[in-house]
Protein backbone atom coordinates (compact mmCIF):
# COMPACT_ATOMS: atom_id res chain seq x y z
CA UNK A 1 -77.58 -72.05 -72.96
CA UNK A 2 -77.89 -70.57 -76.79
CA UNK A 3 -76.23 -73.71 -78.81
CA UNK A 4 -76.61 -72.09 -81.94
CA UNK A 5 -74.35 -69.27 -80.66
CA UNK A 6 -72.01 -71.66 -79.29
CA UNK A 7 -68.35 -71.55 -80.51
CA UNK A 8 -68.27 -75.23 -80.32
CA UNK A 9 -71.58 -75.24 -82.87
CA UNK A 10 -69.95 -72.75 -85.17
CA UNK A 11 -69.84 -73.84 -88.47
CA UNK A 12 -66.29 -75.09 -89.58
CA UNK A 13 -64.68 -73.28 -92.81
CA UNK A 14 -64.38 -75.42 -95.55
CA UNK A 15 -60.86 -75.07 -97.67
CA UNK A 16 -61.89 -75.19 -101.02
CA UNK A 17 -59.72 -71.85 -101.76
CA UNK A 18 -56.57 -74.12 -101.15
CA UNK A 19 -57.71 -76.50 -104.07
CA UNK A 20 -57.72 -73.19 -106.55
CA UNK A 21 -54.43 -72.95 -105.20
CA UNK A 22 -53.22 -76.57 -106.21
CA UNK A 23 -54.65 -76.31 -109.42
CA UNK A 24 -52.86 -72.97 -110.12
CA UNK A 25 -49.62 -74.77 -109.10
CA UNK A 26 -50.35 -77.39 -110.66
CA UNK A 27 -50.86 -75.59 -114.36
CA UNK A 28 -47.83 -73.29 -112.79
CA UNK A 29 -45.42 -76.71 -112.63
CA UNK A 30 -46.53 -77.56 -116.47
CA UNK A 31 -46.90 -74.11 -118.03
CA UNK A 32 -42.52 -73.76 -116.90
CA UNK A 33 -41.87 -77.48 -118.08
CA UNK A 34 -43.11 -76.47 -121.29
CA UNK A 35 -41.45 -72.78 -121.39
CA UNK A 36 -37.74 -74.41 -120.51
CA UNK A 37 -38.18 -77.48 -122.22
CA UNK A 38 -36.28 -75.98 -125.25
CA UNK A 39 -33.20 -75.15 -123.27
CA UNK A 40 -32.93 -79.24 -122.92
CA UNK A 41 -33.73 -79.63 -126.87
CA UNK A 42 -31.95 -76.47 -128.50
CA UNK A 43 -28.95 -78.48 -128.47
CA UNK A 44 -30.04 -81.81 -130.77
CA UNK A 45 -32.72 -78.79 -132.50
CA UNK A 46 -29.06 -76.50 -133.68
CA UNK A 47 -27.86 -79.84 -135.04
CA UNK A 48 -30.42 -81.13 -136.89
CA UNK A 49 -31.70 -77.85 -138.27
CA UNK A 50 -28.64 -76.13 -138.49
CA UNK A 51 -28.49 -73.13 -136.61
CA UNK A 52 -25.36 -70.96 -134.95
CA UNK A 53 -25.43 -69.73 -131.12
CA UNK A 54 -26.74 -66.45 -132.17
CA UNK A 55 -30.00 -67.86 -133.30
CA UNK A 56 -29.85 -70.45 -130.78
CA UNK A 57 -30.24 -66.98 -128.36
CA UNK A 58 -32.86 -65.93 -130.65
CA UNK A 59 -34.80 -68.88 -130.37
CA UNK A 60 -35.06 -69.27 -126.91
CA UNK A 61 -35.82 -65.50 -126.53
CA UNK A 62 -38.54 -65.43 -128.79
CA UNK A 63 -40.92 -66.35 -125.99
CA UNK A 64 -40.54 -63.44 -124.76
CA UNK A 65 -41.39 -61.41 -127.66
CA UNK A 66 -44.84 -63.42 -127.82
CA UNK A 67 -45.59 -63.07 -124.40
CA UNK A 68 -45.15 -59.22 -124.17
CA UNK A 69 -47.92 -59.26 -126.85
CA UNK A 70 -50.34 -60.88 -124.46
CA UNK A 71 -49.37 -60.60 -121.26
CA UNK A 72 -50.77 -56.76 -120.65
CA UNK A 73 -53.98 -57.71 -122.38
CA UNK A 74 -54.26 -61.21 -120.53
CA UNK A 75 -54.24 -58.93 -117.01
CA UNK A 76 -56.84 -56.66 -119.21
CA UNK A 77 -59.01 -59.46 -119.68
CA UNK A 78 -58.82 -61.25 -116.63
CA UNK A 79 -60.07 -57.94 -114.45
CA UNK A 80 -63.02 -57.97 -117.40
CA UNK A 81 -63.61 -61.49 -118.20
CA UNK A 82 -62.51 -63.56 -115.56
CA UNK A 83 -59.65 -66.03 -114.98
CA UNK A 84 -61.89 -69.33 -115.75
CA UNK A 85 -61.93 -68.60 -119.34
CA UNK A 86 -59.12 -66.82 -120.03
CA UNK A 87 -56.41 -69.43 -118.93
CA UNK A 88 -58.51 -72.25 -120.30
CA UNK A 89 -58.09 -70.62 -123.73
CA UNK A 90 -54.50 -69.47 -123.14
CA UNK A 91 -53.90 -73.44 -121.99
CA UNK A 92 -56.02 -74.95 -125.35
CA UNK A 93 -53.59 -72.83 -127.51
CA UNK A 94 -50.30 -73.67 -125.63
CA UNK A 95 -51.23 -77.52 -126.28
CA UNK A 96 -51.43 -76.49 -129.81
CA UNK A 97 -47.84 -74.18 -129.88
CA UNK A 98 -45.73 -76.38 -128.00
CA UNK A 99 -46.93 -79.73 -130.19
CA UNK A 100 -46.27 -77.58 -133.31
CA UNK A 101 -42.72 -76.83 -131.87
CA UNK A 102 -42.18 -80.66 -132.61
CA UNK A 103 -42.72 -79.80 -136.19
CA UNK A 104 -40.52 -77.72 -136.95
CA UNK A 105 -38.32 -77.34 -139.87
CA UNK A 106 -35.53 -74.92 -139.81
CA UNK A 107 -34.68 -71.31 -138.02
CA UNK A 108 -37.84 -69.42 -139.13
CA UNK A 109 -40.33 -71.91 -137.97
CA UNK A 110 -38.30 -72.39 -134.85
CA UNK A 111 -38.77 -68.61 -133.55
CA UNK A 112 -42.24 -68.85 -135.07
CA UNK A 113 -43.37 -71.72 -132.55
CA UNK A 114 -41.26 -70.01 -129.57
CA UNK A 115 -43.17 -66.96 -129.84
CA UNK A 116 -46.53 -68.45 -130.50
CA UNK A 117 -45.98 -70.17 -127.03
CA UNK A 118 -45.23 -67.21 -125.26
CA UNK A 119 -48.34 -65.88 -127.15
CA UNK A 120 -50.30 -68.35 -125.50
CA UNK A 121 -48.75 -68.49 -121.81
CA UNK A 122 -49.24 -64.50 -121.78
CA UNK A 123 -52.44 -64.76 -119.79
CA UNK A 124 -50.99 -67.24 -117.16
CA UNK A 125 -49.59 -65.19 -114.38
CA UNK A 126 -52.42 -62.27 -114.91
CA UNK A 127 -55.07 -65.23 -114.37
CA UNK A 128 -53.06 -66.64 -111.49
CA UNK A 129 -53.14 -63.15 -109.77
CA UNK A 130 -56.69 -62.32 -110.54
CA UNK A 131 -57.81 -65.76 -109.20
CA UNK A 132 -55.94 -65.52 -106.18
CA UNK A 133 -57.02 -61.80 -105.29
CA UNK A 134 -60.85 -63.23 -105.36
CA UNK A 135 -60.37 -66.01 -103.40
CA UNK A 136 -57.88 -65.09 -100.67
CA UNK A 137 -57.86 -62.44 -98.40
CA UNK A 138 -55.32 -60.18 -97.60
CA UNK A 139 -53.26 -61.67 -94.79
CA UNK A 140 -53.19 -65.36 -96.55
CA UNK A 141 -52.04 -63.74 -100.17
CA UNK A 142 -48.52 -63.93 -99.90
CA UNK A 143 -48.85 -67.57 -98.12
CA UNK A 144 -50.71 -68.64 -101.57
CA UNK A 145 -48.39 -66.41 -104.26
CA UNK A 146 -45.83 -68.36 -102.68
CA UNK A 147 -47.37 -71.90 -102.74
CA UNK A 148 -48.64 -71.32 -106.43
CA UNK A 149 -44.94 -69.46 -107.01
CA UNK A 150 -43.28 -72.44 -105.72
CA UNK A 151 -44.37 -74.52 -108.96
CA UNK A 152 -41.87 -72.48 -111.37
CA UNK A 153 -38.71 -73.84 -109.54
CA UNK A 154 -40.15 -77.03 -108.87
CA UNK A 155 -41.12 -77.41 -112.30
CA UNK A 156 -37.76 -76.79 -113.62
CA UNK A 157 -35.71 -79.11 -111.13
CA UNK A 158 -38.23 -82.34 -111.71
CA UNK A 159 -38.49 -80.71 -115.89
CA UNK A 160 -34.74 -80.87 -115.96
CA UNK A 161 -34.14 -84.36 -115.82
CA UNK A 162 -37.30 -85.69 -117.18
CA UNK A 163 -37.38 -83.39 -120.37
CA UNK A 164 -33.34 -84.15 -121.15
CA UNK A 165 -34.57 -88.14 -120.07
CA UNK A 166 -37.50 -87.90 -123.09
CA UNK A 167 -35.00 -86.27 -125.48
CA UNK A 168 -32.67 -89.26 -124.34
CA UNK A 169 -35.78 -91.90 -125.32
CA UNK A 170 -37.96 -90.03 -127.61
CA UNK A 171 -35.99 -87.54 -129.69
CA UNK A 172 -36.36 -83.57 -129.21
CA UNK A 173 -39.65 -83.86 -131.42
CA UNK A 174 -41.37 -86.77 -129.38
CA UNK A 175 -40.52 -84.96 -126.10
CA UNK A 176 -42.48 -81.58 -127.04
CA UNK A 177 -45.65 -84.12 -128.00
CA UNK A 178 -45.96 -85.25 -124.77
CA UNK A 179 -45.81 -82.13 -122.85
CA UNK A 180 -48.51 -81.05 -125.13
CA UNK A 181 -50.79 -84.40 -123.67
CA UNK A 182 -49.83 -83.24 -120.05
CA UNK A 183 -51.04 -79.92 -120.49
CA UNK A 184 -54.05 -80.94 -122.21
CA UNK A 185 -54.91 -82.92 -119.40
CA UNK A 186 -55.29 -79.98 -117.15
CA UNK A 187 -57.63 -78.41 -118.90
CA UNK A 188 -60.92 -79.49 -118.23
CA UNK A 189 -59.75 -79.91 -114.50
CA UNK A 190 -60.00 -76.30 -114.75
CA UNK A 191 -62.81 -75.43 -116.18
CA UNK A 192 -65.36 -78.00 -113.94
CA UNK A 193 -63.66 -77.11 -110.66
CA UNK A 194 -62.48 -73.28 -110.84
CA UNK A 195 -65.37 -70.33 -110.62
CA UNK A 196 -63.85 -66.65 -111.28
CA UNK A 197 -65.72 -65.85 -107.57
CA UNK A 198 -65.91 -68.10 -104.52
CA UNK A 199 -69.68 -67.27 -104.13
CA UNK A 200 -70.57 -68.94 -107.29
CA UNK A 201 -68.51 -72.46 -105.97
CA UNK A 202 -71.06 -74.83 -104.22
CA UNK A 203 -68.00 -75.98 -102.24
CA UNK A 204 -67.41 -73.25 -100.23
CA UNK A 205 -69.38 -72.73 -97.05
CA UNK A 206 -70.32 -69.69 -95.53
CA UNK A 207 -67.53 -69.67 -92.96
CA UNK A 208 -64.68 -69.79 -95.48
CA UNK A 209 -66.53 -67.00 -97.64
CA UNK A 210 -66.24 -64.57 -94.47
CA UNK A 211 -62.08 -65.83 -94.15
CA UNK A 212 -61.92 -64.96 -97.67
CA UNK A 213 -63.69 -61.47 -97.33
CA UNK A 214 -61.90 -60.36 -94.41
CA UNK A 215 -60.54 -57.05 -94.99
CA UNK A 216 -58.50 -54.29 -92.53
CA UNK A 217 -57.52 -54.92 -89.32
CA UNK A 218 -60.33 -56.81 -87.37
CA UNK A 219 -58.30 -59.17 -85.83
CA UNK A 220 -60.42 -58.89 -82.36
CA UNK A 221 -64.08 -58.53 -84.20
CA UNK A 222 -66.12 -61.16 -84.14
CA UNK A 223 -67.07 -62.97 -87.21
CA UNK A 224 -70.95 -61.97 -87.53
CA UNK A 225 -69.49 -57.95 -86.64
CA UNK A 226 -66.89 -58.03 -89.74
CA UNK A 227 -67.96 -55.71 -92.60
CA UNK A 228 -66.83 -58.39 -95.27
CA UNK A 229 -66.69 -55.14 -97.79
CA UNK A 230 -64.57 -53.14 -95.92
CA UNK A 231 -61.87 -51.13 -97.69
CA UNK A 232 -59.51 -48.86 -96.22
CA UNK A 233 -58.01 -45.83 -97.99
CA UNK A 234 -54.08 -45.55 -98.18
CA UNK A 235 -52.69 -42.42 -96.05
CA UNK A 236 -50.31 -40.93 -98.62
CA UNK A 237 -53.01 -40.77 -101.35
CA UNK A 238 -56.19 -41.41 -100.20
CA UNK A 239 -56.88 -43.56 -103.22
CA UNK A 240 -59.60 -45.98 -102.86
CA UNK A 241 -59.88 -47.78 -106.40
CA UNK A 242 -57.15 -48.28 -108.83
CA UNK A 243 -57.07 -45.70 -112.04
CA UNK A 244 -54.56 -45.77 -115.19
CA UNK A 245 -52.94 -43.18 -113.77
CA UNK A 246 -52.02 -44.51 -110.44
CA UNK A 247 -50.78 -47.96 -112.38
CA UNK A 248 -48.32 -46.08 -114.49
CA UNK A 249 -47.31 -43.58 -112.10
CA UNK A 250 -47.66 -44.77 -108.18
CA UNK A 251 -43.90 -45.47 -106.91
CA UNK A 252 -43.79 -48.88 -105.37
CA UNK A 253 -45.74 -49.96 -108.24
CA UNK A 254 -42.66 -48.41 -110.64
CA UNK A 255 -40.55 -49.78 -108.24
CA UNK A 256 -41.90 -53.17 -107.85
CA UNK A 257 -42.16 -53.43 -111.92
CA UNK A 258 -38.11 -52.94 -112.55
CA UNK A 259 -37.06 -55.19 -109.75
CA UNK A 260 -39.93 -57.61 -110.84
CA UNK A 261 -37.75 -57.03 -114.44
CA UNK A 262 -34.39 -57.66 -112.56
CA UNK A 263 -35.78 -61.02 -111.35
CA UNK A 264 -36.88 -61.79 -115.16
CA UNK A 265 -33.55 -61.37 -116.39
CA UNK A 266 -32.05 -63.79 -113.83
CA UNK A 267 -35.15 -66.31 -114.46
CA UNK A 268 -34.45 -66.29 -117.92
CA UNK A 269 -30.97 -66.42 -117.86
CA UNK A 270 -30.83 -69.95 -116.15
CA UNK A 271 -33.83 -71.02 -117.36
CA UNK A 272 -32.71 -70.71 -120.87
CA UNK A 273 -28.74 -70.89 -120.39
CA UNK A 274 -27.97 -72.56 -117.75
CA UNK A 275 -27.57 -75.98 -119.50
CA UNK A 276 -25.96 -74.42 -122.43
CA UNK A 277 -22.95 -72.92 -119.45
CA UNK A 278 -22.58 -76.13 -118.00
CA UNK A 279 -22.14 -77.94 -121.72
CA UNK A 280 -19.43 -75.23 -122.45
CA UNK A 281 -17.55 -74.21 -119.89
CA UNK A 282 -17.55 -77.93 -117.81
CA UNK A 283 -18.50 -80.37 -121.30
CA UNK A 284 -21.20 -82.28 -119.79
CA UNK A 285 -24.00 -84.31 -121.74
CA UNK A 286 -27.35 -83.64 -122.08
CA UNK A 287 -28.35 -86.10 -119.57
CA UNK A 288 -25.88 -85.02 -117.17
CA UNK A 289 -26.70 -81.61 -117.31
CA UNK A 290 -30.57 -82.07 -116.60
CA UNK A 291 -29.39 -84.25 -113.54
CA UNK A 292 -26.89 -81.26 -112.19
CA UNK A 293 -29.42 -78.69 -112.83
CA UNK A 294 -31.98 -80.41 -110.39
CA UNK A 295 -30.40 -78.81 -107.36
CA UNK A 296 -29.86 -75.23 -107.99
CA UNK A 297 -33.84 -75.31 -108.75
CA UNK A 298 -34.72 -77.26 -105.87
CA UNK A 299 -33.07 -74.76 -103.29
CA UNK A 300 -35.30 -72.34 -105.34
CA UNK A 301 -38.19 -74.03 -104.47
CA UNK A 302 -37.71 -74.27 -100.81
CA UNK A 303 -36.49 -70.72 -100.74
CA UNK A 304 -39.56 -69.38 -102.20
CA UNK A 305 -41.95 -71.63 -100.39
CA UNK A 306 -40.19 -70.80 -97.07
CA UNK A 307 -39.73 -66.86 -97.95
CA UNK A 308 -43.45 -66.57 -99.19
CA UNK A 309 -44.49 -68.20 -95.66
CA UNK A 310 -42.11 -65.67 -93.76
CA UNK A 311 -43.77 -62.82 -95.31
CA UNK A 312 -47.35 -63.33 -94.21
CA UNK A 313 -45.84 -64.12 -90.78
CA UNK A 314 -43.47 -60.83 -90.65
CA UNK A 315 -46.21 -59.22 -91.69
CA UNK A 316 -48.58 -60.01 -88.70
CA UNK A 317 -45.89 -59.55 -86.26
CA UNK A 318 -45.08 -56.13 -87.70
CA UNK A 319 -48.28 -55.10 -89.35
CA UNK A 320 -46.14 -53.59 -91.65
CA UNK A 321 -45.83 -54.04 -95.31
CA UNK A 322 -42.21 -52.55 -96.05
CA UNK A 323 -40.26 -54.93 -93.80
CA UNK A 324 -42.73 -58.01 -95.03
CA UNK A 325 -42.22 -57.14 -99.06
CA UNK A 326 -39.67 -54.57 -99.53
CA UNK A 327 -36.84 -55.70 -97.39
CA UNK A 328 -37.11 -59.08 -98.67
CA UNK A 329 -37.35 -58.16 -102.22
CA UNK A 330 -33.85 -55.85 -101.86
CA UNK A 331 -32.26 -58.21 -99.19
CA UNK A 332 -32.57 -61.48 -102.22
CA UNK A 333 -31.54 -59.37 -104.47
CA UNK A 334 -28.24 -58.05 -102.88
CA UNK A 335 -27.80 -61.69 -102.50
CA UNK A 336 -27.92 -62.89 -106.18
CA UNK A 337 -25.66 -60.17 -107.28
CA UNK A 338 -23.09 -60.71 -104.34
CA UNK A 339 -23.20 -64.79 -105.73
CA UNK A 340 -23.38 -64.38 -109.19
CA UNK A 341 -19.96 -62.65 -110.08
CA UNK A 342 -17.59 -64.86 -108.34
CA UNK A 343 -18.91 -67.71 -110.87
CA UNK A 344 -17.47 -65.65 -113.53
CA UNK A 345 -14.18 -66.41 -112.19
CA UNK A 346 -14.57 -69.81 -111.01
CA UNK A 347 -13.06 -73.34 -113.23
CA UNK A 348 -15.01 -75.70 -110.66
CA UNK A 349 -17.96 -77.32 -111.80
CA UNK A 350 -18.47 -77.91 -107.27
CA UNK A 351 -18.13 -74.14 -106.82
CA UNK A 352 -19.65 -72.87 -109.76
CA UNK A 353 -22.89 -74.61 -108.71
CA UNK A 354 -23.15 -73.59 -104.98
CA UNK A 355 -22.92 -70.15 -106.02
CA UNK A 356 -25.53 -70.78 -109.06
CA UNK A 357 -27.75 -71.99 -106.26
CA UNK A 358 -27.45 -69.36 -103.96
CA UNK A 359 -27.76 -66.65 -106.56
CA UNK A 360 -30.74 -68.49 -108.32
CA UNK A 361 -32.39 -69.49 -104.53
CA UNK A 362 -32.39 -65.49 -103.75
CA UNK A 363 -33.42 -64.29 -107.08
CA UNK A 364 -36.04 -66.34 -106.53
CA UNK A 365 -37.02 -66.34 -102.68
CA UNK A 366 -39.20 -62.88 -103.05
CA UNK A 367 -41.11 -64.10 -105.91
CA UNK A 368 -44.03 -64.27 -103.86
CA UNK A 369 -43.73 -60.90 -102.59
CA UNK A 370 -44.23 -59.09 -106.93
CA UNK A 371 -47.16 -60.33 -107.11
CA UNK A 372 -48.71 -59.46 -103.60
CA UNK A 373 -47.81 -56.19 -103.85
CA UNK A 374 -49.90 -55.50 -106.65
CA UNK A 375 -52.72 -57.05 -104.82
CA UNK A 376 -51.72 -55.08 -101.78
CA UNK A 377 -51.56 -51.33 -103.65
CA UNK A 378 -54.33 -52.47 -106.57
CA UNK A 379 -56.64 -54.87 -105.43
CA UNK A 380 -59.62 -54.02 -107.76
CA UNK A 381 -57.00 -54.41 -111.09
CA UNK A 382 -54.60 -56.36 -109.48
CA UNK A 383 -54.13 -58.31 -112.74
CA UNK A 384 -53.87 -55.28 -114.71
CA UNK A 385 -51.15 -54.35 -112.55
CA UNK A 386 -49.67 -57.53 -113.02
CA UNK A 387 -49.96 -57.95 -116.68
CA UNK A 388 -47.91 -54.11 -116.48
CA UNK A 389 -45.42 -55.70 -114.19
CA UNK A 390 -45.39 -59.35 -116.23
CA UNK A 391 -44.95 -57.09 -119.73
CA UNK A 392 -41.39 -56.04 -118.20
CA UNK A 393 -41.10 -59.60 -117.32
CA UNK A 394 -41.53 -60.73 -120.76
CA UNK A 395 -39.01 -57.88 -122.14
CA UNK A 396 -36.49 -59.73 -119.87
CA UNK A 397 -37.58 -63.07 -121.31
CA UNK A 398 -36.28 -61.68 -124.82
CA UNK A 399 -33.40 -59.94 -123.51
CA UNK A 400 -31.66 -62.04 -121.21
CA UNK A 401 -31.76 -65.24 -123.57
CA UNK A 402 -30.81 -62.98 -126.69
CA UNK A 403 -28.09 -60.61 -124.91
CA UNK A 404 -26.47 -63.61 -123.41
CA UNK A 405 -26.49 -65.68 -126.98
CA UNK A 406 -24.56 -62.63 -127.98
CA UNK A 407 -22.31 -62.31 -125.33
CA UNK A 408 -21.14 -65.90 -125.95
CA UNK A 409 -21.06 -65.88 -129.50
CA UNK A 410 -18.80 -63.09 -129.56
CA UNK A 411 -16.56 -63.36 -126.50
CA UNK A 412 -16.67 -67.07 -126.55
CA UNK A 413 -17.35 -67.24 -122.38
CA UNK A 414 -19.91 -65.90 -120.22
CA UNK A 415 -18.49 -63.88 -117.94
CA UNK A 416 -20.21 -60.21 -119.32
CA UNK A 417 -23.40 -61.92 -118.41
CA UNK A 418 -22.53 -62.38 -115.05
CA UNK A 419 -21.22 -58.80 -114.68
CA UNK A 420 -24.54 -57.64 -116.46
CA UNK A 421 -26.99 -59.52 -114.09
CA UNK A 422 -24.98 -58.25 -110.64
CA UNK A 423 -25.08 -54.74 -111.80
CA UNK A 424 -29.27 -55.34 -112.74
CA UNK A 425 -29.65 -56.54 -109.35
CA UNK A 426 -27.69 -53.98 -107.67
CA UNK A 427 -29.64 -51.52 -109.40
CA UNK A 428 -33.15 -52.95 -107.97
CA UNK A 429 -31.71 -52.95 -104.36
CA UNK A 430 -31.37 -49.31 -104.32
CA UNK A 431 -34.49 -48.63 -106.22
CA UNK A 432 -36.65 -50.62 -104.20
CA UNK A 433 -34.70 -49.04 -100.78
CA UNK A 434 -35.96 -45.81 -101.67
CA UNK A 435 -39.36 -46.14 -103.83
CA UNK A 436 -40.87 -49.47 -102.87
CA UNK A 437 -43.33 -47.96 -99.86
CA UNK A 438 -46.45 -50.20 -100.13
CA UNK A 439 -47.50 -48.89 -96.57
CA UNK A 440 -48.07 -45.65 -97.97
CA UNK A 441 -49.59 -46.84 -100.62
CA UNK A 442 -52.10 -49.80 -100.10
CA UNK A 443 -55.86 -49.85 -100.44
CA UNK A 444 -57.22 -52.13 -98.37
CA UNK A 445 -54.09 -52.14 -95.85
CA UNK A 446 -54.86 -55.68 -93.66
CA UNK A 447 -53.53 -53.40 -90.51
CA UNK A 448 -54.87 -50.20 -91.42
CA UNK A 449 -54.56 -48.41 -87.92
CA UNK A 450 -51.06 -49.77 -87.25
CA UNK A 451 -49.44 -48.39 -90.17
CA UNK A 452 -45.92 -46.38 -90.52
CA UNK A 453 -44.41 -44.61 -93.30
């Protein structure tokens, strides 16, 4: 018996790719605690430095303007230079900007500080996408994206009471200084533990590298017969690489960009104005708002994690991307649209929180699918595609808090803000169902032989 070829003696694959996912999870937690902290600090800030409701909306939205400037550029830089250096520089800059927020003395400086944080954090998610596209196989990307992106609602769930407690103990300025320190701690861990390619890491063995480099539907082939560089062209357009024209005109990518914009509008509304809504509508204190915000974000974390794994399981069962990506996006946004409208008519804190929890969990549930579609359709330029998609997300990051601030300031209530969110979600459902066809446009489809249009 040839023991060298025996399955019992085959080298066990290492699992270092999940360490990389863990590093990404950690920085996303830090990222979202940092960017959301302003929503809890804005009330005491407003009293101390003298700003009105409309100015509050502009400060909350300034992050999106800065973010838009660098998230698209970040995608280009990640594809050109790799995620390691780009994310290291990004985090270093946002340590300075989040700490600097604690030093502001007026409206203008607060606006600049928030925009600077957006500039610094812009490359974060292109970097994450670039790292996952290089470290995970097509069949594990949904799970990896879901695991990483679960950090967003987790951060907002734990960040709510943590930030509000820090403000109570140390004041809003001291809270920002502590957050800057936490961001700084992650930086050396990333630099020493991450490499742009798994081949460059001494922690990845050959068996794990084979798992990472799987392409196409090779379920029945033995490991030593797999072509680790196989790339299957899309059936609809014959593409084997991604051009600028494809990034700007592909129907699936365009539908994905719009759906992600709508997702961003929901996310930034809840991230920046949920505390203000609870304070205004139900007269809750800052500390109480922090604790009441935990449940909606915790539910969103569960939904995102479960649906990220469900997406991959559905793909394995159906061998099709449309049900596992497109239908997931359309279904969750439809539920969010239905749930958010009754909030405008509710005078009950309990009912409002239930509806907000459903809407928030639904809107975030398909988050991993948006990212994974970029990798499915443009694997060779996934970070650039994410940069384009994230640019729209950044615009939503400005519009959601700014428009909401104007609506609340002029109308005295959040009703029209809720109606606008429902309309946006409904438009996303329609566009996704009509134009979002990832099976027809994927490069390197994980089940190429079984694709249906």
